[in-house]
Amino acid sequence: MTNVIRTLTLLLVLFMLGTPSLAADQSEFERIRDLGMSDLTEEAFEVLEKKYPNENWDAYRFPRYVFTNDSVEAGYMIAVKEPDLLKQFKCYCFCDAMDHEHLLHCFVKDSERRRIQFDPHGAGCNICYGQAMMALLWQEKGLTQEQMQAGFEKRFERLIEQFGNR
């Protein structure tokens, strides 16, 4: 019986030691979800610089509209470097009416050819580039696609309530 109590006590202690980490992860997830555009942009650029320190961004030949502001630029940089990430999510500006199948299409029409064909939609939509930056930051924190999806649904819950979750 004492071995059972010791084992249960040990398990309880180990669980309690692990709990702050889980709480910290949840707190970081929520912090990123609730960031304003300026902070989101700053942190996204930090991640891009860390992941792609020697990237020749000029080689992508971004159109002029990409340089509207830093947030837009970050969104397009994420699109060219992390297309598989952005393909996992619908966009919450509901641009599916424009035949956008996923968030990547807000920035890139076609990337199958040798040269990327950009879509100007992402340059004029703070939901699109904000969502791209959140996805990048959450990915860096090791979140799953399901966790990120839940974060987007929470962030954009008012839009979902107003327009539905198409």
N, C-alpha and C. Protein backbone atom coordinates (compact mmCIF):
# COMPACT_ATOMS: atom_id res chain seq x y z
N MET A 1 0.82 -1.20 0.00
CA MET A 1 0.00 0.00 0.00
C MET A 1 0.86 1.26 0.00
N THR A 2 1.97 1.25 0.76
CA THR A 2 2.86 2.41 0.80
C THR A 2 3.48 2.68 -0.57
N ASN A 3 3.77 1.63 -1.31
CA ASN A 3 4.33 1.82 -2.65
C ASN A 3 3.33 2.52 -3.57
N VAL A 4 2.08 2.18 -3.41
CA VAL A 4 1.04 2.82 -4.21
C VAL A 4 0.95 4.30 -3.85
N ILE A 5 0.99 4.61 -2.57
CA ILE A 5 0.93 6.01 -2.12
C ILE A 5 2.15 6.77 -2.61
N ARG A 6 3.32 6.16 -2.51
CA ARG A 6 4.54 6.82 -3.01
C ARG A 6 4.45 7.08 -4.51
N THR A 7 3.97 6.08 -5.24
CA THR A 7 3.85 6.24 -6.69
C THR A 7 2.87 7.35 -7.03
N LEU A 8 1.72 7.35 -6.36
CA LEU A 8 0.74 8.40 -6.61
C LEU A 8 1.28 9.78 -6.24
N THR A 9 2.00 9.85 -5.13
CA THR A 9 2.59 11.12 -4.71
C THR A 9 3.61 11.59 -5.74
N LEU A 10 4.44 10.69 -6.20
CA LEU A 10 5.45 11.02 -7.21
C LEU A 10 4.78 11.51 -8.49
N LEU A 11 3.74 10.81 -8.93
CA LEU A 11 3.01 11.23 -10.12
C LEU A 11 2.38 12.61 -9.95
N LEU A 12 1.84 12.86 -8.77
CA LEU A 12 1.23 14.16 -8.49
C LEU A 12 2.28 15.26 -8.54
N VAL A 13 3.44 15.03 -7.94
CA VAL A 13 4.52 16.01 -7.95
C VAL A 13 5.00 16.27 -9.38
N LEU A 14 5.17 15.21 -10.16
CA LEU A 14 5.60 15.36 -11.54
C LEU A 14 4.57 16.14 -12.35
N PHE A 15 3.29 15.86 -12.12
CA PHE A 15 2.23 16.59 -12.81
C PHE A 15 2.28 18.07 -12.45
N MET A 16 2.45 18.36 -11.17
CA MET A 16 2.46 19.74 -10.72
C MET A 16 3.67 20.48 -11.26
N LEU A 17 4.79 19.80 -11.39
CA LEU A 17 5.98 20.43 -11.97
C LEU A 17 5.77 20.74 -13.45
N GLY A 18 5.02 19.89 -14.12
CA GLY A 18 4.77 20.10 -15.54
C GLY A 18 3.70 21.13 -15.82
N THR A 19 2.83 21.37 -14.90
CA THR A 19 1.71 22.28 -15.10
C THR A 19 2.12 23.71 -15.41
N PRO A 20 3.10 24.30 -14.72
CA PRO A 20 3.47 25.67 -15.09
C PRO A 20 3.91 25.78 -16.54
N SER A 21 4.57 24.75 -17.04
CA SER A 21 4.99 24.76 -18.43
C SER A 21 3.77 24.79 -19.35
N LEU A 22 2.77 23.98 -19.04
CA LEU A 22 1.57 23.97 -19.84
C LEU A 22 0.87 25.33 -19.77
N ALA A 23 0.84 25.89 -18.58
CA ALA A 23 0.21 27.20 -18.41
C ALA A 23 1.00 28.27 -19.16
N ALA A 24 2.31 28.17 -19.13
CA ALA A 24 3.16 29.14 -19.85
C ALA A 24 2.92 29.01 -21.35
N ASP A 25 2.82 27.77 -21.86
CA ASP A 25 2.55 27.57 -23.27
C ASP A 25 1.21 28.18 -23.67
N GLN A 26 0.19 27.96 -22.84
CA GLN A 26 -1.13 28.52 -23.11
C GLN A 26 -1.08 30.04 -23.06
N SER A 27 -0.35 30.56 -22.10
CA SER A 27 -0.23 32.00 -21.96
C SER A 27 0.47 32.61 -23.19
N GLU A 28 1.51 31.96 -23.68
CA GLU A 28 2.23 32.44 -24.86
C GLU A 28 1.34 32.37 -26.10
N PHE A 29 0.58 31.30 -26.21
CA PHE A 29 -0.37 31.13 -27.31
C PHE A 29 -1.38 32.28 -27.31
N GLU A 30 -1.95 32.58 -26.16
CA GLU A 30 -2.94 33.65 -26.05
C GLU A 30 -2.29 35.02 -26.27
N ARG A 31 -1.05 35.19 -25.79
CA ARG A 31 -0.35 36.46 -25.98
C ARG A 31 -0.21 36.75 -27.47
N ILE A 32 0.22 35.75 -28.23
CA ILE A 32 0.39 35.93 -29.67
C ILE A 32 -0.97 36.19 -30.33
N ARG A 33 -1.98 35.44 -29.93
CA ARG A 33 -3.32 35.61 -30.49
C ARG A 33 -3.84 37.03 -30.29
N ASP A 34 -3.49 37.64 -29.18
CA ASP A 34 -4.03 38.95 -28.82
C ASP A 34 -3.12 40.13 -29.15
N LEU A 35 -1.99 39.87 -29.82
CA LEU A 35 -1.07 40.95 -30.17
C LEU A 35 -1.71 41.95 -31.12
N GLY A 36 -1.36 43.21 -30.95
CA GLY A 36 -1.75 44.23 -31.91
C GLY A 36 -0.87 44.11 -33.15
N MET A 37 -1.27 44.76 -34.21
CA MET A 37 -0.58 44.63 -35.50
C MET A 37 0.88 45.04 -35.43
N SER A 38 1.20 46.10 -34.72
CA SER A 38 2.57 46.58 -34.63
C SER A 38 3.47 45.53 -33.96
N ASP A 39 3.03 44.99 -32.85
CA ASP A 39 3.82 43.98 -32.14
C ASP A 39 3.88 42.67 -32.93
N LEU A 40 2.79 42.32 -33.56
CA LEU A 40 2.75 41.12 -34.39
C LEU A 40 3.78 41.22 -35.52
N THR A 41 3.83 42.38 -36.14
CA THR A 41 4.76 42.62 -37.24
C THR A 41 6.21 42.57 -36.75
N GLU A 42 6.48 43.21 -35.64
CA GLU A 42 7.84 43.21 -35.10
C GLU A 42 8.31 41.79 -34.79
N GLU A 43 7.45 41.01 -34.14
CA GLU A 43 7.83 39.64 -33.79
C GLU A 43 7.95 38.75 -35.03
N ALA A 44 7.11 38.98 -36.02
CA ALA A 44 7.19 38.19 -37.26
C ALA A 44 8.51 38.46 -37.98
N PHE A 45 8.92 39.73 -38.03
CA PHE A 45 10.21 40.05 -38.66
C PHE A 45 11.37 39.42 -37.90
N GLU A 46 11.28 39.38 -36.59
CA GLU A 46 12.34 38.73 -35.80
C GLU A 46 12.45 37.25 -36.15
N VAL A 47 11.31 36.57 -36.29
CA VAL A 47 11.31 35.15 -36.66
C VAL A 47 11.85 34.96 -38.07
N LEU A 48 11.40 35.79 -39.01
CA LEU A 48 11.89 35.68 -40.38
C LEU A 48 13.39 35.89 -40.46
N GLU A 49 13.90 36.86 -39.72
CA GLU A 49 15.35 37.11 -39.72
C GLU A 49 16.10 35.93 -39.12
N LYS A 50 15.55 35.35 -38.08
CA LYS A 50 16.19 34.20 -37.43
C LYS A 50 16.18 32.97 -38.33
N LYS A 51 15.04 32.71 -38.97
CA LYS A 51 14.90 31.52 -39.81
C LYS A 51 15.61 31.67 -41.16
N TYR A 52 15.65 32.87 -41.69
CA TYR A 52 16.18 33.12 -43.04
C TYR A 52 17.17 34.28 -43.01
N PRO A 53 18.27 34.14 -42.27
CA PRO A 53 19.17 35.28 -42.04
C PRO A 53 19.85 35.81 -43.31
N ASN A 54 20.08 34.99 -44.29
CA ASN A 54 20.78 35.42 -45.49
C ASN A 54 19.90 35.42 -46.73
N GLU A 55 18.60 35.49 -46.50
CA GLU A 55 17.67 35.41 -47.63
C GLU A 55 17.79 36.65 -48.52
N ASN A 56 17.81 36.42 -49.82
CA ASN A 56 17.83 37.50 -50.79
C ASN A 56 16.38 37.77 -51.18
N TRP A 57 15.71 38.62 -50.44
CA TRP A 57 14.29 38.89 -50.66
C TRP A 57 14.03 39.55 -52.01
N ASP A 58 15.01 40.26 -52.54
CA ASP A 58 14.85 40.90 -53.85
C ASP A 58 14.65 39.88 -54.96
N ALA A 59 15.14 38.67 -54.75
CA ALA A 59 15.02 37.63 -55.77
C ALA A 59 13.56 37.24 -56.03
N TYR A 60 12.68 37.52 -55.11
CA TYR A 60 11.26 37.18 -55.28
C TYR A 60 10.52 38.18 -56.16
N ARG A 61 11.14 39.32 -56.41
CA ARG A 61 10.57 40.34 -57.28
C ARG A 61 9.13 40.69 -56.87
N PHE A 62 9.00 41.05 -55.59
CA PHE A 62 7.69 41.44 -55.07
C PHE A 62 7.17 42.66 -55.82
N PRO A 63 5.87 42.69 -56.08
CA PRO A 63 5.27 43.89 -56.69
C PRO A 63 5.32 45.07 -55.72
N ARG A 64 5.14 46.25 -56.23
CA ARG A 64 5.21 47.47 -55.40
C ARG A 64 4.24 47.45 -54.23
N TYR A 65 3.05 46.91 -54.43
CA TYR A 65 2.05 46.94 -53.36
C TYR A 65 2.47 46.16 -52.12
N VAL A 66 3.44 45.30 -52.25
CA VAL A 66 3.95 44.54 -51.09
C VAL A 66 4.63 45.48 -50.10
N PHE A 67 5.13 46.61 -50.59
CA PHE A 67 5.88 47.53 -49.75
C PHE A 67 5.00 48.66 -49.20
N THR A 68 3.71 48.42 -49.13
CA THR A 68 2.77 49.39 -48.58
C THR A 68 3.11 49.73 -47.14
N ASN A 69 3.36 48.70 -46.35
CA ASN A 69 3.82 48.88 -44.96
C ASN A 69 4.50 47.60 -44.50
N ASP A 70 5.11 47.65 -43.34
CA ASP A 70 5.89 46.50 -42.85
C ASP A 70 5.04 45.26 -42.64
N SER A 71 3.81 45.43 -42.21
CA SER A 71 2.93 44.28 -41.97
C SER A 71 2.62 43.54 -43.27
N VAL A 72 2.33 44.30 -44.31
CA VAL A 72 2.07 43.71 -45.62
C VAL A 72 3.31 42.97 -46.10
N GLU A 73 4.44 43.61 -45.99
CA GLU A 73 5.70 42.99 -46.43
C GLU A 73 5.95 41.68 -45.69
N ALA A 74 5.73 41.68 -44.39
CA ALA A 74 5.91 40.44 -43.61
C ALA A 74 4.98 39.35 -44.10
N GLY A 75 3.73 39.70 -44.39
CA GLY A 75 2.77 38.71 -44.88
C GLY A 75 3.24 38.04 -46.16
N TYR A 76 3.72 38.83 -47.10
CA TYR A 76 4.20 38.26 -48.37
C TYR A 76 5.49 37.48 -48.20
N MET A 77 6.35 37.92 -47.31
CA MET A 77 7.58 37.17 -47.03
C MET A 77 7.24 35.80 -46.45
N ILE A 78 6.26 35.76 -45.56
CA ILE A 78 5.82 34.49 -44.98
C ILE A 78 5.23 33.60 -46.08
N ALA A 79 4.45 34.19 -46.97
CA ALA A 79 3.82 33.41 -48.04
C ALA A 79 4.84 32.72 -48.93
N VAL A 80 5.94 33.41 -49.26
CA VAL A 80 6.92 32.78 -50.16
C VAL A 80 7.80 31.76 -49.44
N LYS A 81 7.98 31.93 -48.14
CA LYS A 81 8.85 31.01 -47.41
C LYS A 81 8.08 29.90 -46.68
N GLU A 82 6.82 30.11 -46.38
CA GLU A 82 6.04 29.14 -45.61
C GLU A 82 4.70 28.83 -46.29
N PRO A 83 4.72 28.51 -47.59
CA PRO A 83 3.45 28.28 -48.27
C PRO A 83 2.65 27.11 -47.69
N ASP A 84 3.33 26.05 -47.28
CA ASP A 84 2.61 24.90 -46.73
C ASP A 84 1.90 25.25 -45.42
N LEU A 85 2.47 26.16 -44.66
CA LEU A 85 1.82 26.62 -43.44
C LEU A 85 0.52 27.35 -43.78
N LEU A 86 0.58 28.29 -44.70
CA LEU A 86 -0.59 29.09 -45.02
C LEU A 86 -1.67 28.29 -45.74
N LYS A 87 -1.29 27.24 -46.45
CA LYS A 87 -2.27 26.38 -47.13
C LYS A 87 -3.17 25.64 -46.15
N GLN A 88 -2.77 25.54 -44.90
CA GLN A 88 -3.53 24.77 -43.91
C GLN A 88 -4.78 25.50 -43.41
N PHE A 89 -4.87 26.82 -43.69
CA PHE A 89 -5.91 27.61 -43.06
C PHE A 89 -6.75 28.38 -44.06
N LYS A 90 -8.04 28.47 -43.74
CA LYS A 90 -8.89 29.37 -44.50
C LYS A 90 -8.60 30.78 -44.01
N CYS A 91 -8.95 31.75 -44.82
CA CYS A 91 -8.76 33.13 -44.42
C CYS A 91 -10.06 33.64 -43.82
N TYR A 92 -9.95 34.39 -42.75
CA TYR A 92 -11.14 34.87 -42.06
C TYR A 92 -11.65 36.22 -42.55
N CYS A 93 -11.13 36.69 -43.69
CA CYS A 93 -11.77 37.85 -44.32
C CYS A 93 -12.82 37.35 -45.31
N PHE A 94 -12.96 36.03 -45.38
CA PHE A 94 -13.96 35.37 -46.21
C PHE A 94 -13.78 35.66 -47.69
N CYS A 95 -12.54 35.64 -48.11
CA CYS A 95 -12.23 35.88 -49.51
C CYS A 95 -12.43 34.63 -50.36
N ASP A 96 -13.02 33.60 -49.77
CA ASP A 96 -13.34 32.41 -50.55
C ASP A 96 -14.29 32.79 -51.70
N ALA A 97 -15.01 33.88 -51.54
CA ALA A 97 -15.87 34.38 -52.62
C ALA A 97 -15.04 34.81 -53.83
N MET A 98 -13.74 35.03 -53.62
CA MET A 98 -12.82 35.39 -54.70
C MET A 98 -12.08 34.14 -55.20
N ASP A 99 -12.61 32.99 -54.85
CA ASP A 99 -12.01 31.69 -55.21
C ASP A 99 -10.70 31.41 -54.48
N HIS A 100 -10.49 32.04 -53.35
CA HIS A 100 -9.32 31.71 -52.54
C HIS A 100 -9.64 30.45 -51.74
N GLU A 101 -8.86 29.42 -51.95
CA GLU A 101 -9.10 28.15 -51.27
C GLU A 101 -8.52 28.13 -49.86
N HIS A 102 -7.52 28.96 -49.63
CA HIS A 102 -6.84 28.98 -48.34
C HIS A 102 -6.09 30.30 -48.20
N LEU A 103 -5.47 30.49 -47.05
CA LEU A 103 -4.79 31.75 -46.75
C LEU A 103 -3.66 32.07 -47.72
N LEU A 104 -2.97 31.08 -48.23
CA LEU A 104 -1.88 31.36 -49.18
C LEU A 104 -2.38 32.12 -50.40
N HIS A 105 -3.59 31.80 -50.86
CA HIS A 105 -4.12 32.46 -52.06
C HIS A 105 -4.35 33.95 -51.88
N CYS A 106 -4.35 34.44 -50.66
CA CYS A 106 -4.46 35.88 -50.43
C CYS A 106 -3.20 36.60 -50.89
N PHE A 107 -2.11 35.86 -50.97
CA PHE A 107 -0.81 36.43 -51.31
C PHE A 107 -0.25 35.93 -52.63
N VAL A 108 -0.52 34.68 -52.95
CA VAL A 108 0.06 34.03 -54.12
C VAL A 108 -1.04 33.35 -54.93
N LYS A 109 -1.16 33.73 -56.20
CA LYS A 109 -2.13 33.09 -57.08
C LYS A 109 -1.63 31.73 -57.53
N ASP A 110 -0.38 31.71 -57.93
CA ASP A 110 0.19 30.50 -58.52
C ASP A 110 1.68 30.48 -58.24
N SER A 111 2.16 29.36 -57.78
CA SER A 111 3.60 29.24 -57.55
C SER A 111 4.14 27.98 -58.19
N GLU A 112 3.34 27.37 -59.06
CA GLU A 112 3.78 26.13 -59.71
C GLU A 112 4.77 26.41 -60.85
N ARG A 113 4.66 27.56 -61.42
CA ARG A 113 5.58 27.90 -62.51
C ARG A 113 6.91 28.36 -61.92
N ARG A 114 7.82 28.71 -62.78
CA ARG A 114 9.14 29.15 -62.33
C ARG A 114 9.05 30.44 -61.53
N ARG A 115 8.12 31.30 -61.88
CA ARG A 115 8.01 32.60 -61.23
C ARG A 115 6.69 32.68 -60.46
N ILE A 116 6.75 33.15 -59.25
CA ILE A 116 5.56 33.27 -58.41
C ILE A 116 4.66 34.36 -58.96
N GLN A 117 3.37 34.07 -59.03
CA GLN A 117 2.39 35.08 -59.40
C GLN A 117 1.69 35.53 -58.13
N PHE A 118 1.89 36.78 -57.78
CA PHE A 118 1.33 37.31 -56.54
C PHE A 118 -0.10 37.78 -56.72
N ASP A 119 -0.84 37.76 -55.63
CA ASP A 119 -2.20 38.27 -55.60
C ASP A 119 -2.19 39.54 -54.75
N PRO A 120 -2.75 40.63 -55.24
CA PRO A 120 -2.71 41.89 -54.47
C PRO A 120 -3.66 41.92 -53.27
N HIS A 121 -4.57 40.95 -53.18
CA HIS A 121 -5.56 40.98 -52.10
C HIS A 121 -4.92 41.11 -50.72
N GLY A 122 -3.88 40.34 -50.44
CA GLY A 122 -3.25 40.34 -49.13
C GLY A 122 -2.67 41.69 -48.73
N ALA A 123 -2.36 42.52 -49.69
CA ALA A 123 -1.77 43.83 -49.39
C ALA A 123 -2.79 44.80 -48.81
N GLY A 124 -4.05 44.56 -49.10
CA GLY A 124 -5.06 45.49 -48.63
C GLY A 124 -5.93 44.93 -47.51
N CYS A 125 -5.51 43.83 -46.92
CA CYS A 125 -6.37 43.18 -45.92
C CYS A 125 -5.58 42.84 -44.67
N ASN A 126 -5.86 43.57 -43.60
CA ASN A 126 -5.11 43.33 -42.36
C ASN A 126 -5.45 41.99 -41.73
N ILE A 127 -6.58 41.41 -42.06
CA ILE A 127 -6.89 40.07 -41.56
C ILE A 127 -5.93 39.08 -42.19
N CYS A 128 -5.73 39.18 -43.49
CA CYS A 128 -4.85 38.24 -44.20
C CYS A 128 -3.41 38.28 -43.67
N TYR A 129 -2.81 39.46 -43.68
CA TYR A 129 -1.41 39.49 -43.25
C TYR A 129 -1.28 39.29 -41.74
N GLY A 130 -2.27 39.70 -40.97
CA GLY A 130 -2.25 39.42 -39.54
C GLY A 130 -2.32 37.93 -39.25
N GLN A 131 -3.19 37.25 -39.97
CA GLN A 131 -3.33 35.81 -39.80
C GLN A 131 -2.05 35.08 -40.21
N ALA A 132 -1.40 35.51 -41.28
CA ALA A 132 -0.14 34.90 -41.72
C ALA A 132 0.94 35.05 -40.64
N MET A 133 1.00 36.23 -40.04
CA MET A 133 2.01 36.46 -39.00
C MET A 133 1.72 35.64 -37.74
N MET A 134 0.45 35.55 -37.35
CA MET A 134 0.11 34.72 -36.20
C MET A 134 0.50 33.26 -36.45
N ALA A 135 0.19 32.77 -37.64
CA ALA A 135 0.52 31.38 -37.97
C ALA A 135 2.03 31.14 -37.86
N LEU A 136 2.83 32.07 -38.37
CA LEU A 136 4.28 31.93 -38.29
C LEU A 136 4.76 31.89 -36.83
N LEU A 137 4.25 32.80 -36.02
CA LEU A 137 4.67 32.86 -34.62
C LEU A 137 4.24 31.62 -33.86
N TRP A 138 3.02 31.16 -34.10
CA TRP A 138 2.56 29.94 -33.43
C TRP A 138 3.36 28.73 -33.89
N GLN A 139 3.69 28.68 -35.17
CA GLN A 139 4.50 27.57 -35.68
C GLN A 139 5.85 27.53 -34.96
N GLU A 140 6.43 28.69 -34.76
CA GLU A 140 7.71 28.77 -34.07
C GLU A 140 7.62 28.28 -32.63
N LYS A 141 6.44 28.39 -32.04
CA LYS A 141 6.22 27.93 -30.66
C LYS A 141 5.85 26.45 -30.63
N GLY A 142 5.75 25.82 -31.80
CA GLY A 142 5.49 24.39 -31.85
C GLY A 142 4.02 24.00 -31.77
N LEU A 143 3.12 24.92 -32.04
CA LEU A 143 1.70 24.60 -31.98
C LEU A 143 1.28 23.74 -33.17
N THR A 144 0.28 22.92 -32.94
CA THR A 144 -0.25 22.07 -34.00
C THR A 144 -1.22 22.87 -34.86
N GLN A 145 -1.55 22.31 -36.02
CA GLN A 145 -2.51 22.93 -36.91
C GLN A 145 -3.85 23.09 -36.20
N GLU A 146 -4.24 22.11 -35.41
CA GLU A 146 -5.52 22.17 -34.69
C GLU A 146 -5.50 23.30 -33.66
N GLN A 147 -4.40 23.47 -32.95
CA GLN A 147 -4.30 24.55 -31.97
C GLN A 147 -4.35 25.91 -32.64
N MET A 148 -3.65 26.03 -33.77
CA MET A 148 -3.67 27.30 -34.50
C MET A 148 -5.08 27.60 -35.00
N GLN A 149 -5.75 26.58 -35.53
CA GLN A 149 -7.11 26.77 -36.02
C GLN A 149 -8.02 27.27 -34.90
N ALA A 150 -7.90 26.68 -33.72
CA ALA A 150 -8.70 27.12 -32.57
C ALA A 150 -8.37 28.57 -32.21
N GLY A 151 -7.11 28.94 -32.33
CA GLY A 151 -6.70 30.32 -32.06
C GLY A 151 -7.31 31.30 -33.05
N PHE A 152 -7.33 30.92 -34.32
CA PHE A 152 -7.95 31.79 -35.33
C PHE A 152 -9.45 31.93 -35.07
N GLU A 153 -10.08 30.83 -34.71
CA GLU A 153 -11.52 30.89 -34.45
C GLU A 153 -11.83 31.79 -33.26
N LYS A 154 -10.96 31.78 -32.27
CA LYS A 154 -11.15 32.67 -31.12
C LYS A 154 -10.88 34.12 -31.51
N ARG A 155 -9.80 34.35 -32.24
CA ARG A 155 -9.43 35.71 -32.65
C ARG A 155 -10.51 36.35 -33.53
N PHE A 156 -11.09 35.53 -34.40
CA PHE A 156 -12.05 36.07 -35.36
C PHE A 156 -13.49 35.66 -35.05
N GLU A 157 -13.76 35.38 -33.78
CA GLU A 157 -15.09 34.89 -33.41
C GLU A 157 -16.21 35.87 -33.76
N ARG A 158 -15.96 37.16 -33.67
CA ARG A 158 -17.01 38.14 -34.03
C ARG A 158 -17.34 38.07 -35.51
N LEU A 159 -16.31 37.93 -36.34
CA LEU A 159 -16.56 37.80 -37.78
C LEU A 159 -17.30 36.51 -38.08
N ILE A 160 -16.93 35.45 -37.40
CA ILE A 160 -17.60 34.17 -37.60
C ILE A 160 -19.07 34.27 -37.17
N GLU A 161 -19.31 34.93 -36.06
CA GLU A 161 -20.70 35.11 -35.60
C GLU A 161 -21.51 35.92 -36.62
N GLN A 162 -20.86 36.93 -37.18
CA GLN A 162 -21.56 37.81 -38.13
C GLN A 162 -21.78 37.16 -39.50
N PHE A 163 -20.76 36.46 -39.99
CA PHE A 163 -20.82 35.95 -41.35
C PHE A 163 -20.89 34.43 -41.45
N GLY A 164 -20.76 33.75 -40.34
CA GLY A 164 -20.76 32.28 -40.35
C GLY A 164 -19.36 31.74 -40.57
N ASN A 165 -19.20 30.47 -40.39
CA ASN A 165 -17.89 29.82 -40.55
C ASN A 165 -17.90 29.00 -41.83
N ARG A 166 -17.94 29.71 -42.95
CA ARG A 166 -18.07 29.06 -44.26
C ARG A 166 -16.93 28.14 -44.54
